[in-house]
Amino acid sequence: QRAEYIKPHFASIVTFMLTATSDADPTVALEACDFWLTFASLDEDSYDDEMMGCVAQSLPQLLPVLLKGMVYPPDKIEE
């Protein structure tokens, strides 16, 4: 598993990606969102409780940033 290589640094990675998710540059923010999507798509064998705990602790900061970054075309807003 590749997770063993990033596990010792995962808390720092989560912090960095949280910061990148709210970056003023939309390209940076979008790439950071790909990190969260990838993590959310992993099967249970790809991460452990400690890694999930790092993400869970970041949710109070992450969710508002993700919601603020959601962009919908005008026709979808009307629906």
C-alpha atoms as a PDB file:
ATOM      1  CA  GLN A   1       0.000   0.000   0.000  1.00  0.00           C
ATOM      2  CA  ARG A   2       1.194   3.488  -0.791  1.00  0.00           C
ATOM      3  CA  ALA A   3      -0.519   4.964   2.270  1.00  0.00           C
ATOM      4  CA  GLU A   4       2.325   3.723   4.437  1.00  0.00           C
ATOM      5  CA  TYR A   5       4.610   6.271   2.773  1.00  0.00           C
ATOM      6  CA  ILE A   6       2.411   9.290   3.465  1.00  0.00           C
ATOM      7  CA  LYS A   7       0.974   8.197   6.820  1.00  0.00           C
ATOM      8  CA  PRO A   8       3.744   9.822   8.929  1.00  0.00           C
ATOM      9  CA  HIS A   9       3.074  13.120   7.127  1.00  0.00           C
ATOM     10  CA  PHE A  10      -0.673  12.844   6.670  1.00  0.00           C
ATOM     11  CA  ALA A  11      -1.673  15.440   9.291  1.00  0.00           C
ATOM     12  CA  SER A  12       0.568  17.992   7.578  1.00  0.00           C
ATOM     13  CA  ILE A  13      -0.798  16.998   4.174  1.00  0.00           C
ATOM     14  CA  VAL A  14      -4.374  17.498   5.388  1.00  0.00           C
ATOM     15  CA  THR A  15      -3.472  20.934   6.775  1.00  0.00           C
ATOM     16  CA  PHE A  16      -1.764  21.921   3.534  1.00  0.00           C
ATOM     17  CA  MET A  17      -4.646  20.673   1.389  1.00  0.00           C
ATOM     18  CA  LEU A  18      -7.135  22.509   3.583  1.00  0.00           C
ATOM     19  CA  THR A  19      -5.210  25.729   2.966  1.00  0.00           C
ATOM     20  CA  ALA A  20      -4.923  24.985  -0.753  1.00  0.00           C
ATOM     21  CA  THR A  21      -8.671  24.329  -0.985  1.00  0.00           C
ATOM     22  CA  SER A  22      -9.333  27.960  -0.070  1.00  0.00           C
ATOM     23  CA  ASP A  23      -6.597  29.374  -2.317  1.00  0.00           C
ATOM     24  CA  ALA A  24      -7.501  32.474  -4.343  1.00  0.00           C
ATOM     25  CA  ASP A  25      -6.206  30.762  -7.485  1.00  0.00           C
ATOM     26  CA  PRO A  26      -9.094  28.599  -8.739  1.00  0.00           C
ATOM     27  CA  THR A  27      -6.684  26.130 -10.330  1.00  0.00           C
ATOM     28  CA  VAL A  28      -4.978  25.485  -6.991  1.00  0.00           C
ATOM     29  CA  ALA A  29      -8.322  25.197  -5.189  1.00  0.00           C
ATOM     30  CA  LEU A  30      -9.657  22.765  -7.782  1.00  0.00           C
ATOM     31  CA  GLU A  31      -6.567  20.563  -7.557  1.00  0.00           C
ATOM     32  CA  ALA A  32      -6.931  20.530  -3.764  1.00  0.00           C
ATOM     33  CA  CYS A  33     -10.567  19.473  -4.142  1.00  0.00           C
ATOM     34  CA  ASP A  34      -9.318  16.507  -6.165  1.00  0.00           C
ATOM     35  CA  PHE A  35      -7.362  15.416  -3.083  1.00  0.00           C
ATOM     36  CA  TRP A  36     -10.545  15.358  -0.975  1.00  0.00           C
ATOM     37  CA  LEU A  37     -12.457  13.537  -3.703  1.00  0.00           C
ATOM     38  CA  THR A  38      -9.698  10.950  -4.002  1.00  0.00           C
ATOM     39  CA  PHE A  39      -9.575  10.410  -0.248  1.00  0.00           C
ATOM     40  CA  ALA A  40     -13.360  10.097  -0.044  1.00  0.00           C
ATOM     41  CA  SER A  41     -13.288   7.522  -2.851  1.00  0.00           C
ATOM     42  CA  LEU A  42     -10.713   5.230  -1.218  1.00  0.00           C
ATOM     43  CA  ASP A  43     -11.758   1.814  -0.037  1.00  0.00           C
ATOM     44  CA  GLU A  44     -11.358   1.021   3.640  1.00  0.00           C
ATOM     45  CA  ASP A  45      -8.158  -0.932   3.071  1.00  0.00           C
ATOM     46  CA  SER A  46      -6.394   2.160   1.714  1.00  0.00           C
ATOM     47  CA  TYR A  47      -6.380   4.208   4.929  1.00  0.00           C
ATOM     48  CA  ASP A  48      -6.395   3.607   8.662  1.00  0.00           C
ATOM     49  CA  ASP A  49      -8.185   5.104  11.668  1.00  0.00           C
ATOM     50  CA  GLU A  50      -5.411   7.627  12.288  1.00  0.00           C
ATOM     51  CA  MET A  51      -5.649   8.983   8.742  1.00  0.00           C
ATOM     52  CA  MET A  52      -9.437   9.122   8.927  1.00  0.00           C
ATOM     53  CA  GLY A  53      -9.129  10.920  12.251  1.00  0.00           C
ATOM     54  CA  CYS A  54      -6.987  13.621  10.658  1.00  0.00           C
ATOM     55  CA  VAL A  55      -9.627  14.207   8.005  1.00  0.00           C
ATOM     56  CA  ALA A  56     -12.469  14.074  10.547  1.00  0.00           C
ATOM     57  CA  GLN A  57     -10.754  16.729  12.674  1.00  0.00           C
ATOM     58  CA  SER A  58     -10.474  19.002   9.634  1.00  0.00           C
ATOM     59  CA  LEU A  59     -14.181  18.765   8.717  1.00  0.00           C
ATOM     60  CA  PRO A  60     -15.291  21.836  10.733  1.00  0.00           C
ATOM     61  CA  GLN A  61     -12.859  23.938   8.682  1.00  0.00           C
ATOM     62  CA  LEU A  62     -13.164  22.012   5.414  1.00  0.00           C
ATOM     63  CA  LEU A  63     -16.922  21.911   4.923  1.00  0.00           C
ATOM     64  CA  PRO A  64     -17.448  25.702   4.893  1.00  0.00           C
ATOM     65  CA  VAL A  65     -14.563  26.098   2.444  1.00  0.00           C
ATOM     66  CA  LEU A  66     -15.992  23.452   0.119  1.00  0.00           C
ATOM     67  CA  LEU A  67     -19.487  24.927   0.298  1.00  0.00           C
ATOM     68  CA  LYS A  68     -18.183  28.427  -0.407  1.00  0.00           C
ATOM     69  CA  GLY A  69     -16.312  27.123  -3.426  1.00  0.00           C
ATOM     70  CA  MET A  70     -19.330  25.445  -4.974  1.00  0.00           C
ATOM     71  CA  VAL A  71     -20.179  27.140  -8.247  1.00  0.00           C
ATOM     72  CA  TYR A  72     -23.366  26.521 -10.162  1.00  0.00           C
ATOM     73  CA  PRO A  73     -24.499  27.969 -13.485  1.00  0.00           C
ATOM     74  CA  PRO A  74     -27.475  30.354 -13.209  1.00  0.00           C
ATOM     75  CA  ASP A  75     -29.940  27.851 -14.651  1.00  0.00           C
ATOM     76  CA  LYS A  76     -29.090  25.318 -11.929  1.00  0.00           C
ATOM     77  CA  ILE A  77     -29.501  27.907  -9.156  1.00  0.00           C
ATOM     78  CA  GLU A  78     -33.103  28.489 -10.278  1.00  0.00           C
ATOM     79  CA  GLU A  79     -33.945  24.788  -9.900  1.00  0.00           C
END
